[in-house]
């Protein structure tokens, strides 16, 4: 691989190193996840643990959808709408 002035590594070498690092991270994560699954399968409170995990995942999903969904209306806009509704209910004079 060629060496350049930028950090002593060419773009090809940097790409290979980046991919190797990502692959190593993925293998590490999979190994860790497999160990965790084995430990969970040995527990006697498996059904309760699965129920808790389902509730946690649903809560995370709700938070994620709220984050990317429509933003709530602006606070001042809501207040202005309340004022207009009160004026309309009182006959226009408040």
PDB file of N, CA and C in Angstrom:
ATOM      1  N   UNK A   1       0.849  -1.175   0.000  1.00  0.00           N
ATOM      2  CA  UNK A   1       0.000   0.000   0.000  1.00  0.00           C
ATOM      3  C   UNK A   1       0.890   1.232   0.000  1.00  0.00           C
ATOM      4  N   UNK A   2       0.369   2.293  -0.546  1.00  0.00           N
ATOM      5  CA  UNK A   2       1.187   3.493  -0.677  1.00  0.00           C
ATOM      6  C   UNK A   2       1.048   4.369   0.546  1.00  0.00           C
ATOM      7  N   UNK A   3       2.100   5.127   0.821  1.00  0.00           N
ATOM      8  CA  UNK A   3       2.081   6.076   1.928  1.00  0.00           C
ATOM      9  C   UNK A   3       2.034   7.475   1.366  1.00  0.00           C
ATOM     10  N   UNK A   4       1.221   8.338   1.958  1.00  0.00           N
ATOM     11  CA  UNK A   4       1.145   9.739   1.547  1.00  0.00           C
ATOM     12  C   UNK A   4       1.496  10.600   2.734  1.00  0.00           C
ATOM     13  N   UNK A   5       1.507  11.897   2.505  1.00  0.00           N
ATOM     14  CA  UNK A   5       1.819  12.846   3.569  1.00  0.00           C
ATOM     15  C   UNK A   5       0.742  12.844   4.657  1.00  0.00           C
ATOM     16  N   UNK A   6      -0.489  12.535   4.309  1.00  0.00           N
ATOM     17  CA  UNK A   6      -1.626  12.640   5.232  1.00  0.00           C
ATOM     18  C   UNK A   6      -1.666  11.441   6.169  1.00  0.00           C
ATOM     19  N   UNK A   7      -1.025  11.575   7.320  1.00  0.00           N
ATOM     20  CA  UNK A   7      -1.049  10.518   8.323  1.00  0.00           C
ATOM     21  C   UNK A   7      -0.216   9.314   7.940  1.00  0.00           C
ATOM     22  N   UNK A   8       0.559   9.396   6.859  1.00  0.00           N
ATOM     23  CA  UNK A   8       1.402   8.284   6.472  1.00  0.00           C
ATOM     24  C   UNK A   8       0.655   7.143   5.805  1.00  0.00           C
ATOM     25  N   UNK A   9      -0.597   7.322   5.454  1.00  0.00           N
ATOM     26  CA  UNK A   9      -1.385   6.250   4.856  1.00  0.00           C
ATOM     27  C   UNK A   9      -2.123   6.791   3.628  1.00  0.00           C
ATOM     28  N   UNK A  10      -2.172   5.971   2.594  1.00  0.00           N
ATOM     29  CA  UNK A  10      -2.927   6.323   1.398  1.00  0.00           C
ATOM     30  C   UNK A  10      -4.405   6.039   1.606  1.00  0.00           C
ATOM     31  N   UNK A  11      -5.239   6.513   0.690  1.00  0.00           N
ATOM     32  CA  UNK A  11      -6.683   6.303   0.845  1.00  0.00           C
ATOM     33  C   UNK A  11      -7.069   4.825   0.809  1.00  0.00           C
ATOM     34  N   UNK A  12      -6.364   4.037   0.007  1.00  0.00           N
ATOM     35  CA  UNK A  12      -6.682   2.605  -0.043  1.00  0.00           C
ATOM     36  C   UNK A  12      -6.379   1.923   1.285  1.00  0.00           C
ATOM     37  N   UNK A  13      -5.239   2.250   1.848  1.00  0.00           N
ATOM     38  CA  UNK A  13      -4.846   1.638   3.125  1.00  0.00           C
ATOM     39  C   UNK A  13      -5.794   2.071   4.244  1.00  0.00           C
ATOM     40  N   UNK A  14      -6.175   3.344   4.234  1.00  0.00           N
ATOM     41  CA  UNK A  14      -7.119   3.812   5.259  1.00  0.00           C
ATOM     42  C   UNK A  14      -8.452   3.101   5.135  1.00  0.00           C
ATOM     43  N   UNK A  15      -8.924   2.887   3.890  1.00  0.00           N
ATOM     44  CA  UNK A  15     -10.200   2.190   3.682  1.00  0.00           C
ATOM     45  C   UNK A  15     -10.120   0.758   4.190  1.00  0.00           C
ATOM     46  N   UNK A  16      -9.003   0.089   3.902  1.00  0.00           N
ATOM     47  CA  UNK A  16      -8.828  -1.295   4.363  1.00  0.00           C
ATOM     48  C   UNK A  16      -8.785  -1.346   5.891  1.00  0.00           C
ATOM     49  N   UNK A  17      -8.055  -0.407   6.489  1.00  0.00           N
ATOM     50  CA  UNK A  17      -7.985  -0.385   7.952  1.00  0.00           C
ATOM     51  C   UNK A  17      -9.345  -0.099   8.569  1.00  0.00           C
ATOM     52  N   UNK A  18     -10.096   0.811   7.943  1.00  0.00           N
ATOM     53  CA  UNK A  18     -11.435   1.128   8.446  1.00  0.00           C
ATOM     54  C   UNK A  18     -12.349  -0.088   8.367  1.00  0.00           C
ATOM     55  N   UNK A  19     -12.337  -0.780   7.231  1.00  0.00           N
ATOM     56  CA  UNK A  19     -13.176  -1.975   7.082  1.00  0.00           C
ATOM     57  C   UNK A  19     -12.756  -3.078   8.047  1.00  0.00           C
ATOM     58  N   UNK A  20     -11.450  -3.244   8.237  1.00  0.00           N
ATOM     59  CA  UNK A  20     -10.977  -4.263   9.180  1.00  0.00           C
ATOM     60  C   UNK A  20     -11.416  -3.922  10.600  1.00  0.00           C
ATOM     61  N   UNK A  21     -11.351  -2.646  10.959  1.00  0.00           N
ATOM     62  CA  UNK A  21     -11.800  -2.227  12.285  1.00  0.00           C
ATOM     63  C   UNK A  21     -13.288  -2.462  12.478  1.00  0.00           C
ATOM     64  N   UNK A  22     -14.091  -2.143  11.448  1.00  0.00           N
ATOM     65  CA  UNK A  22     -15.530  -2.372  11.535  1.00  0.00           C
ATOM     66  C   UNK A  22     -15.852  -3.858  11.638  1.00  0.00           C
ATOM     67  N   UNK A  23     -15.142  -4.682  10.874  1.00  0.00           N
ATOM     68  CA  UNK A  23     -15.369  -6.122  10.934  1.00  0.00           C
ATOM     69  C   UNK A  23     -15.018  -6.664  12.317  1.00  0.00           C
ATOM     70  N   UNK A  24     -13.905  -6.193  12.876  1.00  0.00           N
ATOM     71  CA  UNK A  24     -13.510  -6.634  14.209  1.00  0.00           C
ATOM     72  C   UNK A  24     -14.547  -6.231  15.247  1.00  0.00           C
ATOM     73  N   UNK A  25     -15.061  -5.018  15.123  1.00  0.00           N
ATOM     74  CA  UNK A  25     -16.100  -4.548  16.041  1.00  0.00           C
ATOM     75  C   UNK A  25     -17.359  -5.392  15.923  1.00  0.00           C
ATOM     76  N   UNK A  26     -17.747  -5.733  14.694  1.00  0.00           N
ATOM     77  CA  UNK A  26     -18.942  -6.554  14.483  1.00  0.00           C
ATOM     78  C   UNK A  26     -18.765  -7.943  15.087  1.00  0.00           C
ATOM     79  N   UNK A  27     -17.607  -8.548  14.892  1.00  0.00           N
ATOM     80  CA  UNK A  27     -17.345  -9.880  15.453  1.00  0.00           C
ATOM     81  C   UNK A  27     -17.371  -9.820  16.976  1.00  0.00           C
ATOM     82  N   UNK A  28     -16.789  -8.780  17.523  1.00  0.00           N
ATOM     83  CA  UNK A  28     -16.783  -8.597  18.978  1.00  0.00           C
ATOM     84  C   UNK A  28     -18.215  -8.469  19.512  1.00  0.00           C
ATOM     85  N   UNK A  29     -19.023  -7.659  18.828  1.00  0.00           N
ATOM     86  CA  UNK A  29     -20.407  -7.441  19.269  1.00  0.00           C
ATOM     87  C   UNK A  29     -21.214  -8.731  19.173  1.00  0.00           C
ATOM     88  N   UNK A  30     -21.033  -9.478  18.091  1.00  0.00           N
ATOM     89  CA  UNK A  30     -21.762 -10.742  17.946  1.00  0.00           C
ATOM     90  C   UNK A  30     -21.365 -11.746  19.017  1.00  0.00           C
ATOM     91  N   UNK A  31     -20.071 -11.824  19.322  1.00  0.00           N
ATOM     92  CA  UNK A  31     -19.618 -12.725  20.374  1.00  0.00           C
ATOM     93  C   UNK A  31     -20.195 -12.351  21.721  1.00  0.00           C
ATOM     94  N   UNK A  32     -20.224 -11.061  21.998  1.00  0.00           N
ATOM     95  CA  UNK A  32     -20.781 -10.584  23.259  1.00  0.00           C
ATOM     96  C   UNK A  32     -22.277 -10.862  23.328  1.00  0.00           C
ATOM     97  N   UNK A  33     -22.974 -10.632  22.223  1.00  0.00           N
ATOM     98  CA  UNK A  33     -24.418 -10.881  22.191  1.00  0.00           C
ATOM     99  C   UNK A  33     -24.719 -12.358  22.373  1.00  0.00           C
ATOM    100  N   UNK A  34     -23.923 -13.216  21.766  1.00  0.00           N
ATOM    101  CA  UNK A  34     -24.138 -14.663  21.916  1.00  0.00           C
ATOM    102  C   UNK A  34     -23.944 -15.087  23.369  1.00  0.00           C
ATOM    103  N   UNK A  35     -22.931 -14.547  24.025  1.00  0.00           N
ATOM    104  CA  UNK A  35     -22.718 -14.859  25.445  1.00  0.00           C
ATOM    105  C   UNK A  35     -23.874 -14.395  26.304  1.00  0.00           C
ATOM    106  N   UNK A  36     -24.397 -13.226  25.999  1.00  0.00           N
ATOM    107  CA  UNK A  36     -25.535 -12.697  26.756  1.00  0.00           C
ATOM    108  C   UNK A  36     -26.763 -13.575  26.558  1.00  0.00           C
ATOM    109  N   UNK A  37     -27.008 -14.011  25.332  1.00  0.00           N
ATOM    110  CA  UNK A  37     -28.161 -14.881  25.058  1.00  0.00           C
ATOM    111  C   UNK A  37     -28.015 -16.194  25.814  1.00  0.00           C
ATOM    112  N   UNK A  38     -26.825 -16.766  25.835  1.00  0.00           N
ATOM    113  CA  UNK A  38     -26.618 -18.013  26.586  1.00  0.00           C
ATOM    114  C   UNK A  38     -26.918 -17.822  28.063  1.00  0.00           C
ATOM    115  N   UNK A  39     -26.480 -16.702  28.628  1.00  0.00           N
ATOM    116  CA  UNK A  39     -26.741 -16.439  30.046  1.00  0.00           C
ATOM    117  C   UNK A  39     -28.237 -16.262  30.298  1.00  0.00           C
ATOM    118  N   UNK A  40     -28.918 -15.587  29.386  1.00  0.00           N
ATOM    119  CA  UNK A  40     -30.353 -15.362  29.567  1.00  0.00           C
ATOM    120  C   UNK A  40     -31.145 -16.664  29.486  1.00  0.00           C
ATOM    121  N   UNK A  41     -30.722 -17.567  28.629  1.00  0.00           N
ATOM    122  CA  UNK A  41     -31.434 -18.838  28.489  1.00  0.00           C
ATOM    123  C   UNK A  41     -31.300 -19.708  29.735  1.00  0.00           C
ATOM    124  N   UNK A  42     -30.257 -19.516  30.524  1.00  0.00           N
ATOM    125  CA  UNK A  42     -30.051 -20.300  31.747  1.00  0.00           C
ATOM    126  C   UNK A  42     -30.847 -19.762  32.931  1.00  0.00           C
ATOM    127  N   UNK A  43     -31.409 -18.590  32.812  1.00  0.00           N
ATOM    128  CA  UNK A  43     -32.126 -17.980  33.943  1.00  0.00           C
ATOM    129  C   UNK A  43     -33.490 -18.619  34.124  1.00  0.00           C
ATOM    130  N   UNK A  44     -33.957 -18.666  35.343  1.00  0.00           N
ATOM    131  CA  UNK A  44     -35.264 -19.266  35.619  1.00  0.00           C
ATOM    132  C   UNK A  44     -36.405 -18.267  35.440  1.00  0.00           C
ATOM    133  N   UNK A  45     -36.082 -16.981  35.436  1.00  0.00           N
ATOM    134  CA  UNK A  45     -37.133 -15.979  35.290  1.00  0.00           C
ATOM    135  C   UNK A  45     -37.217 -15.483  33.842  1.00  0.00           C
ATOM    136  N   UNK A  46     -37.040 -16.416  32.906  1.00  0.00           N
ATOM    137  CA  UNK A  46     -37.035 -16.093  31.481  1.00  0.00           C
ATOM    138  C   UNK A  46     -38.301 -15.400  30.981  1.00  0.00           C
ATOM    139  N   UNK A  47     -39.504 -15.941  31.299  1.00  0.00           N
ATOM    140  CA  UNK A  47     -40.719 -15.288  30.801  1.00  0.00           C
ATOM    141  C   UNK A  47     -40.885 -13.841  31.305  1.00  0.00           C
ATOM    142  N   UNK A  48     -40.571 -13.620  32.573  1.00  0.00           N
ATOM    143  CA  UNK A  48     -40.681 -12.258  33.101  1.00  0.00           C
ATOM    144  C   UNK A  48     -39.654 -11.342  32.442  1.00  0.00           C
ATOM    145  N   UNK A  49     -38.458 -11.885  32.228  1.00  0.00           N
ATOM    146  CA  UNK A  49     -37.399 -11.119  31.585  1.00  0.00           C
ATOM    147  C   UNK A  49     -37.785 -10.769  30.150  1.00  0.00           C
ATOM    148  N   UNK A  50     -38.395 -11.715  29.443  1.00  0.00           N
ATOM    149  CA  UNK A  50     -38.839 -11.466  28.072  1.00  0.00           C
ATOM    150  C   UNK A  50     -39.934 -10.414  28.043  1.00  0.00           C
ATOM    151  N   UNK A  51     -40.844 -10.465  29.008  1.00  0.00           N
ATOM    152  CA  UNK A  51     -41.915  -9.472  29.084  1.00  0.00           C
ATOM    153  C   UNK A  51     -41.348  -8.074  29.341  1.00  0.00           C
ATOM    154  N   UNK A  52     -40.391  -7.997  30.263  1.00  0.00           N
ATOM    155  CA  UNK A  52     -39.747  -6.706  30.539  1.00  0.00           C
ATOM    156  C   UNK A  52     -39.020  -6.178  29.310  1.00  0.00           C
ATOM    157  N   UNK A  53     -38.342  -7.076  28.598  1.00  0.00           N
ATOM    158  CA  UNK A  53     -37.613  -6.667  27.396  1.00  0.00           C
ATOM    159  C   UNK A  53     -38.579  -6.160  26.338  1.00  0.00           C
ATOM    160  N   UNK A  54     -39.724  -6.816  26.200  1.00  0.00           N
ATOM    161  CA  UNK A  54     -40.729  -6.380  25.230  1.00  0.00           C
ATOM    162  C   UNK A  54     -41.243  -4.989  25.586  1.00  0.00           C
ATOM    163  N   UNK A  55     -41.526  -4.752  26.858  1.00  0.00           N
ATOM    164  CA  UNK A  55     -42.002  -3.442  27.281  1.00  0.00           C
ATOM    165  C   UNK A  55     -40.943  -2.368  27.052  1.00  0.00           C
ATOM    166  N   UNK A  56     -39.683  -2.694  27.332  1.00  0.00           N
ATOM    167  CA  UNK A  56     -38.597  -1.743  27.103  1.00  0.00           C
ATOM    168  C   UNK A  56     -38.460  -1.409  25.625  1.00  0.00           C
ATOM    169  N   UNK A  57     -38.546  -2.438  24.780  1.00  0.00           N
ATOM    170  CA  UNK A  57     -38.441  -2.197  23.339  1.00  0.00           C
ATOM    171  C   UNK A  57     -39.598  -1.351  22.822  1.00  0.00           C
ATOM    172  N   UNK A  58     -40.798  -1.592  23.344  1.00  0.00           N
ATOM    173  CA  UNK A  58     -41.951  -0.798  22.931  1.00  0.00           C
ATOM    174  C   UNK A  58     -41.787   0.658  23.364  1.00  0.00           C
ATOM    175  N   UNK A  59     -41.260   0.864  24.570  1.00  0.00           N
ATOM    176  CA  UNK A  59     -41.024   2.229  25.045  1.00  0.00           C
ATOM    177  C   UNK A  59     -39.976   2.926  24.178  1.00  0.00           C
ATOM    178  N   UNK A  60     -38.912   2.198  23.842  1.00  0.00           N
ATOM    179  CA  UNK A  60     -37.876   2.774  22.964  1.00  0.00           C
ATOM    180  C   UNK A  60     -38.459   3.113  21.598  1.00  0.00           C
ATOM    181  N   UNK A  61     -39.307   2.241  21.084  1.00  0.00           N
ATOM    182  CA  UNK A  61     -39.949   2.496  19.793  1.00  0.00           C
ATOM    183  C   UNK A  61     -40.829   3.725  19.842  1.00  0.00           C
ATOM    184  N   UNK A  62     -41.571   3.868  20.934  1.00  0.00           N
ATOM    185  CA  UNK A  62     -42.435   5.045  21.091  1.00  0.00           C
ATOM    186  C   UNK A  62     -41.594   6.323  21.126  1.00  0.00           C
ATOM    187  N   UNK A  63     -40.495   6.282  21.859  1.00  0.00           N
ATOM    188  CA  UNK A  63     -39.609   7.451  21.944  1.00  0.00           C
ATOM    189  C   UNK A  63     -39.017   7.766  20.573  1.00  0.00           C
ATOM    190  N   UNK A  64     -38.592   6.730  19.841  1.00  0.00           N
ATOM    191  CA  UNK A  64     -38.006   6.946  18.521  1.00  0.00           C
ATOM    192  C   UNK A  64     -39.023   7.545  17.562  1.00  0.00           C
ATOM    193  N   UNK A  65     -40.254   7.045  17.603  1.00  0.00           N
ATOM    194  CA  UNK A  65     -41.288   7.593  16.728  1.00  0.00           C
ATOM    195  C   UNK A  65     -41.632   9.032  17.101  1.00  0.00           C
ATOM    196  N   UNK A  66     -41.660   9.327  18.391  1.00  0.00           N
ATOM    197  CA  UNK A  66     -41.918  10.702  18.819  1.00  0.00           C
ATOM    198  C   UNK A  66     -40.810  11.638  18.361  1.00  0.00           C
ATOM    199  N   UNK A  67     -39.584  11.132  18.359  1.00  0.00           N
ATOM    200  CA  UNK A  67     -38.435  11.953  17.975  1.00  0.00           C
ATOM    201  C   UNK A  67     -38.492  12.324  16.496  1.00  0.00           C
ATOM    202  N   UNK A  68     -38.920  11.389  15.634  1.00  0.00           N
ATOM    203  CA  UNK A  68     -38.925  11.652  14.199  1.00  0.00           C
ATOM    204  C   UNK A  68     -40.292  12.080  13.686  1.00  0.00           C
ATOM    205  N   UNK A  69     -41.302  12.015  14.527  1.00  0.00           N
ATOM    206  CA  UNK A  69     -42.648  12.388  14.124  1.00  0.00           C
ATOM    207  C   UNK A  69     -42.817  13.893  14.059  1.00  0.00           C
ATOM    208  N   UNK A  70     -44.052  14.289  13.893  1.00  0.00           N
ATOM    209  CA  UNK A  70     -44.363  15.714  13.814  1.00  0.00           C
ATOM    210  C   UNK A  70     -44.049  16.383  15.149  1.00  0.00           C
ATOM    211  N   UNK A  71     -43.404  17.530  15.108  1.00  0.00           N
ATOM    212  CA  UNK A  71     -43.088  18.217  16.360  1.00  0.00           C
ATOM    213  C   UNK A  71     -44.371  18.758  17.000  1.00  0.00           C
ATOM    214  N   UNK A  72     -44.382  18.886  18.308  1.00  0.00           N
ATOM    215  CA  UNK A  72     -45.568  19.431  18.967  1.00  0.00           C
ATOM    216  C   UNK A  72     -45.751  20.893  18.558  1.00  0.00           C
ATOM    217  N   UNK A  73     -46.971  21.389  18.657  1.00  0.00           N
ATOM    218  CA  UNK A  73     -47.189  22.786  18.276  1.00  0.00           C
ATOM    219  C   UNK A  73     -46.418  23.732  19.197  1.00  0.00           C
ATOM    220  N   UNK A  74     -46.073  24.880  18.647  1.00  0.00           N
ATOM    221  CA  UNK A  74     -45.331  25.869  19.417  1.00  0.00           C
ATOM    222  C   UNK A  74     -46.167  26.338  20.602  1.00  0.00           C
ATOM    223  N   UNK A  75     -45.512  26.539  21.739  1.00  0.00           N
ATOM    224  CA  UNK A  75     -46.198  26.902  22.972  1.00  0.00           C
ATOM    225  C   UNK A  75     -46.996  28.201  22.810  1.00  0.00           C
ATOM    226  N   UNK A  76     -46.377  29.208  22.213  1.00  0.00           N
ATOM    227  CA  UNK A  76     -47.078  30.491  22.037  1.00  0.00           C
ATOM    228  C   UNK A  76     -48.256  30.362  21.083  1.00  0.00           C
ATOM    229  N   UNK A  77     -48.139  29.489  20.098  1.00  0.00           N
ATOM    230  CA  UNK A  77     -49.252  29.262  19.178  1.00  0.00           C
ATOM    231  C   UNK A  77     -50.443  28.651  19.918  1.00  0.00           C
ATOM    232  N   UNK A  78     -50.173  27.724  20.807  1.00  0.00           N
ATOM    233  CA  UNK A  78     -51.242  27.111  21.595  1.00  0.00           C
ATOM    234  C   UNK A  78     -51.910  28.161  22.479  1.00  0.00           C
ATOM    235  N   UNK A  79     -51.103  29.001  23.126  1.00  0.00           N
ATOM    236  CA  UNK A  79     -51.676  30.059  23.959  1.00  0.00           C
ATOM    237  C   UNK A  79     -52.528  31.018  23.144  1.00  0.00           C
ATOM    238  N   UNK A  80     -52.072  31.388  21.954  1.00  0.00           N
ATOM    239  CA  UNK A  80     -52.839  32.287  21.088  1.00  0.00           C
ATOM    240  C   UNK A  80     -54.171  31.652  20.696  1.00  0.00           C
ATOM    241  N   UNK A  81     -54.173  30.360  20.418  1.00  0.00           N
ATOM    242  CA  UNK A  81     -55.416  29.680  20.071  1.00  0.00           C
ATOM    243  C   UNK A  81     -56.385  29.671  21.248  1.00  0.00           C
ATOM    244  N   UNK A  82     -55.873  29.516  22.469  1.00  0.00           N
ATOM    245  CA  UNK A  82     -56.730  29.561  23.659  1.00  0.00           C
ATOM    246  C   UNK A  82     -57.353  30.949  23.820  1.00  0.00           C
ATOM    247  N   UNK A  83     -56.561  31.985  23.598  1.00  0.00           N
ATOM    248  CA  UNK A  83     -57.078  33.352  23.710  1.00  0.00           C
ATOM    249  C   UNK A  83     -58.173  33.585  22.681  1.00  0.00           C
ATOM    250  N   UNK A  84     -57.945  33.154  21.451  1.00  0.00           N
ATOM    251  CA  UNK A  84     -58.963  33.327  20.412  1.00  0.00           C
ATOM    252  C   UNK A  84     -60.230  32.549  20.751  1.00  0.00           C
ATOM    253  N   UNK A  85     -60.086  31.355  21.302  1.00  0.00           N
ATOM    254  CA  UNK A  85     -61.259  30.556  21.668  1.00  0.00           C
ATOM    255  C   UNK A  85     -62.023  31.230  22.804  1.00  0.00           C
ATOM    256  N   UNK A  86     -61.325  31.811  23.770  1.00  0.00           N
ATOM    257  CA  UNK A  86     -61.997  32.518  24.869  1.00  0.00           C
ATOM    258  C   UNK A  86     -62.735  33.756  24.367  1.00  0.00           C
ATOM    259  N   UNK A  87     -62.081  34.474  23.456  1.00  0.00           N
ATOM    260  CA  UNK A  87     -62.731  35.663  22.906  1.00  0.00           C
ATOM    261  C   UNK A  87     -63.991  35.288  22.142  1.00  0.00           C
ATOM    262  N   UNK A  88     -63.913  34.219  21.372  1.00  0.00           N
ATOM    263  CA  UNK A  88     -65.067  33.775  20.597  1.00  0.00           C
ATOM    264  C   UNK A  88     -66.184  33.307  21.528  1.00  0.00           C
ATOM    265  N   UNK A  89     -65.834  32.645  22.625  1.00  0.00           N
ATOM    266  CA  UNK A  89     -66.842  32.145  23.566  1.00  0.00           C
ATOM    267  C   UNK A  89     -67.487  33.276  24.347  1.00  0.00           C
ATOM    268  N   UNK A  90     -66.728  34.349  24.576  1.00  0.00           N
ATOM    269  CA  UNK A  90     -67.246  35.476  25.350  1.00  0.00           C
ATOM    270  C   UNK A  90     -67.917  36.533  24.453  1.00  0.00           C
ATOM    271  N   UNK A  91     -68.055  36.251  23.210  1.00  0.00           N
ATOM    272  CA  UNK A  91     -68.691  37.199  22.304  1.00  0.00           C
ATOM    273  C   UNK A  91     -67.726  38.225  21.740  1.00  0.00           C
ATOM    274  N   UNK A  92     -66.440  37.950  21.814  1.00  0.00           N
ATOM    275  CA  UNK A  92     -65.464  38.827  21.204  1.00  0.00           C
ATOM    276  C   UNK A  92     -64.872  39.855  22.107  1.00  0.00           C
ATOM    277  N   UNK A  93     -65.309  40.003  23.329  1.00  0.00           N
ATOM    278  CA  UNK A  93     -64.770  41.000  24.248  1.00  0.00           C
ATOM    279  C   UNK A  93     -64.218  40.347  25.502  1.00  0.00           C
ATOM    280  N   UNK A  94     -62.923  40.195  25.591  1.00  0.00           N
ATOM    281  CA  UNK A  94     -62.313  39.645  26.805  1.00  0.00           C
ATOM    282  C   UNK A  94     -61.217  40.545  27.257  1.00  0.00           C
TER     283      UNK A  94
END
